[in-house]
Amino acid sequence: MVADRMADITDVGTTRSVQLFGSIVQGVRELRLVEPVDSVWAYLTIDDQPTKYRMRTTTTPLKNVSLLVGEDVGKND
């Protein structure tokens, strides 16, 4: 484990998925963090679940940091 962070996690809805990716992408989560993650990481898990998520994009609005991550399908690390 590289780091352990608390975050507000939500599913990315279908409308937002089409806006961001041009199609409906399932398994995408938005994580809102107070501080950026400066560590290099290959994947993350949520609440110790077996599903792995990989970075899709990150934004830094005026407050907090938002990460968009997608389910890692078919990759092993």
N, C-alpha and C. Protein backbone atom coordinates (compact mmCIF):
# COMPACT_ATOMS: atom_id res chain seq x y z
N MET A 1 0.85 -1.18 0.00
CA MET A 1 0.00 0.00 0.00
C MET A 1 0.89 1.24 0.00
N VAL A 2 0.56 2.16 -0.86
CA VAL A 2 1.32 3.42 -0.96
C VAL A 2 0.75 4.45 0.00
N ALA A 3 -0.58 4.57 0.04
CA ALA A 3 -1.21 5.59 0.88
C ALA A 3 -2.64 5.18 1.20
N ASP A 4 -3.17 5.79 2.22
CA ASP A 4 -4.55 5.58 2.63
C ASP A 4 -5.17 6.96 2.77
N ARG A 5 -6.25 7.23 2.03
CA ARG A 5 -6.87 8.56 2.04
C ARG A 5 -8.38 8.43 2.24
N MET A 6 -8.94 9.43 2.89
CA MET A 6 -10.40 9.54 2.97
C MET A 6 -10.86 10.40 1.81
N ALA A 7 -11.97 10.00 1.19
CA ALA A 7 -12.49 10.75 0.04
C ALA A 7 -14.00 10.63 -0.02
N ASP A 8 -14.61 11.61 -0.66
CA ASP A 8 -16.02 11.55 -0.99
C ASP A 8 -16.09 10.88 -2.36
N ILE A 9 -16.80 9.75 -2.46
CA ILE A 9 -16.82 8.96 -3.69
C ILE A 9 -18.24 8.88 -4.22
N THR A 10 -18.40 9.19 -5.51
CA THR A 10 -19.70 9.10 -6.16
C THR A 10 -19.55 8.42 -7.52
N ASP A 11 -20.64 7.81 -7.97
CA ASP A 11 -20.68 7.26 -9.33
C ASP A 11 -20.80 8.42 -10.31
N VAL A 12 -20.20 8.26 -11.46
CA VAL A 12 -20.38 9.24 -12.52
C VAL A 12 -21.63 8.84 -13.28
N GLY A 13 -22.62 9.74 -13.34
CA GLY A 13 -23.89 9.45 -13.98
C GLY A 13 -23.77 9.34 -15.49
N THR A 14 -24.82 8.87 -16.11
CA THR A 14 -24.79 8.64 -17.56
C THR A 14 -24.61 9.93 -18.34
N THR A 15 -25.29 11.01 -17.93
CA THR A 15 -25.17 12.28 -18.64
C THR A 15 -23.75 12.80 -18.56
N ARG A 16 -23.17 12.78 -17.37
CA ARG A 16 -21.80 13.26 -17.18
C ARG A 16 -20.81 12.37 -17.92
N SER A 17 -21.06 11.06 -17.95
CA SER A 17 -20.20 10.13 -18.66
C SER A 17 -20.15 10.46 -20.15
N VAL A 18 -21.29 10.77 -20.73
CA VAL A 18 -21.35 11.13 -22.15
C VAL A 18 -20.61 12.45 -22.38
N GLN A 19 -20.77 13.40 -21.47
CA GLN A 19 -20.07 14.68 -21.60
C GLN A 19 -18.55 14.49 -21.55
N LEU A 20 -18.08 13.65 -20.65
CA LEU A 20 -16.64 13.48 -20.46
C LEU A 20 -16.00 12.54 -21.47
N PHE A 21 -16.69 11.44 -21.78
CA PHE A 21 -16.07 10.38 -22.58
C PHE A 21 -16.72 10.17 -23.95
N GLY A 22 -17.84 10.84 -24.21
CA GLY A 22 -18.51 10.68 -25.48
C GLY A 22 -19.37 9.43 -25.56
N SER A 23 -19.45 8.69 -24.46
CA SER A 23 -20.29 7.49 -24.40
C SER A 23 -20.58 7.19 -22.93
N ILE A 24 -21.44 6.23 -22.71
CA ILE A 24 -21.74 5.82 -21.34
C ILE A 24 -20.67 4.81 -20.91
N VAL A 25 -19.93 5.18 -19.90
CA VAL A 25 -18.86 4.34 -19.39
C VAL A 25 -19.25 3.89 -17.99
N GLN A 26 -19.43 2.58 -17.81
CA GLN A 26 -19.81 2.08 -16.49
C GLN A 26 -18.57 1.85 -15.63
N GLY A 27 -18.78 1.88 -14.33
CA GLY A 27 -17.69 1.61 -13.41
C GLY A 27 -16.78 2.78 -13.17
N VAL A 28 -17.23 3.99 -13.52
CA VAL A 28 -16.41 5.19 -13.31
C VAL A 28 -16.85 5.84 -12.00
N ARG A 29 -15.88 6.19 -11.18
CA ARG A 29 -16.14 6.84 -9.90
C ARG A 29 -15.41 8.18 -9.86
N GLU A 30 -16.02 9.14 -9.19
CA GLU A 30 -15.36 10.42 -8.94
C GLU A 30 -14.99 10.47 -7.47
N LEU A 31 -13.73 10.75 -7.20
CA LEU A 31 -13.23 10.87 -5.84
C LEU A 31 -12.88 12.32 -5.58
N ARG A 32 -13.38 12.86 -4.49
CA ARG A 32 -13.03 14.22 -4.11
C ARG A 32 -12.16 14.15 -2.87
N LEU A 33 -10.95 14.68 -2.98
CA LEU A 33 -9.96 14.65 -1.90
C LEU A 33 -9.64 16.08 -1.45
N VAL A 34 -9.25 16.22 -0.20
CA VAL A 34 -8.87 17.53 0.31
C VAL A 34 -7.51 17.94 -0.23
N GLU A 35 -6.59 16.98 -0.33
CA GLU A 35 -5.23 17.26 -0.82
C GLU A 35 -4.90 16.32 -1.97
N PRO A 36 -4.04 16.74 -2.88
CA PRO A 36 -3.64 15.87 -3.99
C PRO A 36 -2.81 14.67 -3.47
N VAL A 37 -2.84 13.60 -4.23
CA VAL A 37 -2.02 12.43 -3.92
C VAL A 37 -0.71 12.60 -4.69
N ASP A 38 0.36 12.80 -3.96
CA ASP A 38 1.66 13.03 -4.59
C ASP A 38 2.41 11.73 -4.88
N SER A 39 1.95 10.63 -4.31
CA SER A 39 2.60 9.34 -4.52
C SER A 39 2.28 8.80 -5.90
N VAL A 40 3.20 8.01 -6.45
CA VAL A 40 2.96 7.31 -7.71
C VAL A 40 2.20 6.03 -7.37
N TRP A 41 1.10 5.77 -8.09
CA TRP A 41 0.31 4.59 -7.80
C TRP A 41 -0.21 3.96 -9.10
N ALA A 42 -0.36 2.64 -9.08
CA ALA A 42 -0.82 1.90 -10.26
C ALA A 42 -2.34 1.76 -10.26
N TYR A 43 -2.93 1.55 -9.09
CA TYR A 43 -4.38 1.38 -8.98
C TYR A 43 -4.80 1.72 -7.56
N LEU A 44 -6.11 1.85 -7.35
CA LEU A 44 -6.63 2.06 -6.01
C LEU A 44 -7.80 1.13 -5.78
N THR A 45 -8.10 0.90 -4.51
CA THR A 45 -9.27 0.14 -4.12
C THR A 45 -10.12 1.03 -3.23
N ILE A 46 -11.39 0.70 -3.12
CA ILE A 46 -12.31 1.47 -2.30
C ILE A 46 -12.85 0.57 -1.20
N ASP A 47 -12.68 0.99 0.04
CA ASP A 47 -13.16 0.24 1.21
C ASP A 47 -12.70 -1.22 1.22
N ASP A 48 -11.46 -1.46 0.86
CA ASP A 48 -10.86 -2.79 0.88
C ASP A 48 -11.59 -3.81 0.01
N GLN A 49 -12.33 -3.33 -0.98
CA GLN A 49 -13.00 -4.23 -1.92
C GLN A 49 -11.99 -4.73 -2.94
N PRO A 50 -12.24 -5.87 -3.59
CA PRO A 50 -11.26 -6.42 -4.54
C PRO A 50 -11.17 -5.66 -5.87
N THR A 51 -12.19 -4.85 -6.22
CA THR A 51 -12.18 -4.13 -7.48
C THR A 51 -11.06 -3.10 -7.50
N LYS A 52 -10.28 -3.11 -8.57
CA LYS A 52 -9.20 -2.14 -8.74
C LYS A 52 -9.67 -1.05 -9.70
N TYR A 53 -9.28 0.18 -9.41
CA TYR A 53 -9.61 1.33 -10.25
C TYR A 53 -8.31 1.99 -10.70
N ARG A 54 -8.30 2.45 -11.95
CA ARG A 54 -7.14 3.16 -12.50
C ARG A 54 -7.54 4.59 -12.85
N MET A 55 -6.56 5.48 -12.79
CA MET A 55 -6.77 6.90 -13.07
C MET A 55 -7.25 7.11 -14.50
N ARG A 56 -8.26 7.94 -14.66
CA ARG A 56 -8.70 8.39 -15.98
C ARG A 56 -8.32 9.85 -16.19
N THR A 57 -8.63 10.68 -15.20
CA THR A 57 -8.28 12.10 -15.27
C THR A 57 -8.34 12.71 -13.88
N THR A 58 -7.74 13.87 -13.74
CA THR A 58 -7.77 14.59 -12.47
C THR A 58 -7.99 16.07 -12.73
N THR A 59 -8.70 16.72 -11.83
CA THR A 59 -8.89 18.16 -11.92
C THR A 59 -8.64 18.77 -10.55
N THR A 60 -8.22 20.02 -10.55
CA THR A 60 -7.99 20.73 -9.30
C THR A 60 -8.77 22.05 -9.35
N PRO A 61 -10.05 22.00 -8.95
CA PRO A 61 -10.83 23.23 -8.92
C PRO A 61 -10.34 24.12 -7.76
N LEU A 62 -11.09 25.17 -7.43
CA LEU A 62 -10.66 26.09 -6.38
C LEU A 62 -10.43 25.39 -5.04
N LYS A 63 -11.28 24.45 -4.71
CA LYS A 63 -11.13 23.70 -3.47
C LYS A 63 -11.06 22.21 -3.81
N ASN A 64 -10.27 21.50 -3.04
CA ASN A 64 -10.15 20.05 -3.15
C ASN A 64 -9.55 19.61 -4.49
N VAL A 65 -9.51 18.31 -4.68
CA VAL A 65 -8.99 17.68 -5.89
C VAL A 65 -9.98 16.61 -6.31
N SER A 66 -10.29 16.51 -7.59
CA SER A 66 -11.20 15.47 -8.08
C SER A 66 -10.43 14.51 -8.98
N LEU A 67 -10.60 13.23 -8.70
CA LEU A 67 -10.02 12.17 -9.54
C LEU A 67 -11.16 11.40 -10.17
N LEU A 68 -11.07 11.15 -11.46
CA LEU A 68 -11.99 10.24 -12.12
C LEU A 68 -11.23 8.95 -12.34
N VAL A 69 -11.78 7.86 -11.81
CA VAL A 69 -11.14 6.56 -11.95
C VAL A 69 -12.13 5.59 -12.56
N GLY A 70 -11.61 4.61 -13.27
CA GLY A 70 -12.46 3.60 -13.89
C GLY A 70 -12.05 2.22 -13.46
N GLU A 71 -13.02 1.31 -13.46
CA GLU A 71 -12.72 -0.08 -13.09
C GLU A 71 -11.65 -0.64 -14.00
N ASP A 72 -10.74 -1.37 -13.42
CA ASP A 72 -9.65 -2.00 -14.13
C ASP A 72 -10.12 -3.38 -14.57
N VAL A 73 -10.45 -3.52 -15.82
CA VAL A 73 -11.00 -4.78 -16.32
C VAL A 73 -9.91 -5.54 -17.08
N GLY A 74 -9.59 -6.72 -16.58
CA GLY A 74 -8.67 -7.60 -17.31
C GLY A 74 -7.20 -7.34 -17.13
N LYS A 75 -6.80 -6.52 -16.18
CA LYS A 75 -5.39 -6.26 -15.94
C LYS A 75 -5.01 -6.80 -14.58
N ASN A 76 -3.84 -7.33 -14.48
CA ASN A 76 -3.37 -7.86 -13.20
C ASN A 76 -2.08 -7.17 -12.80
N ASP A 77 -1.99 -6.75 -11.54
CA ASP A 77 -0.77 -6.15 -11.00
C ASP A 77 -0.47 -6.76 -9.66
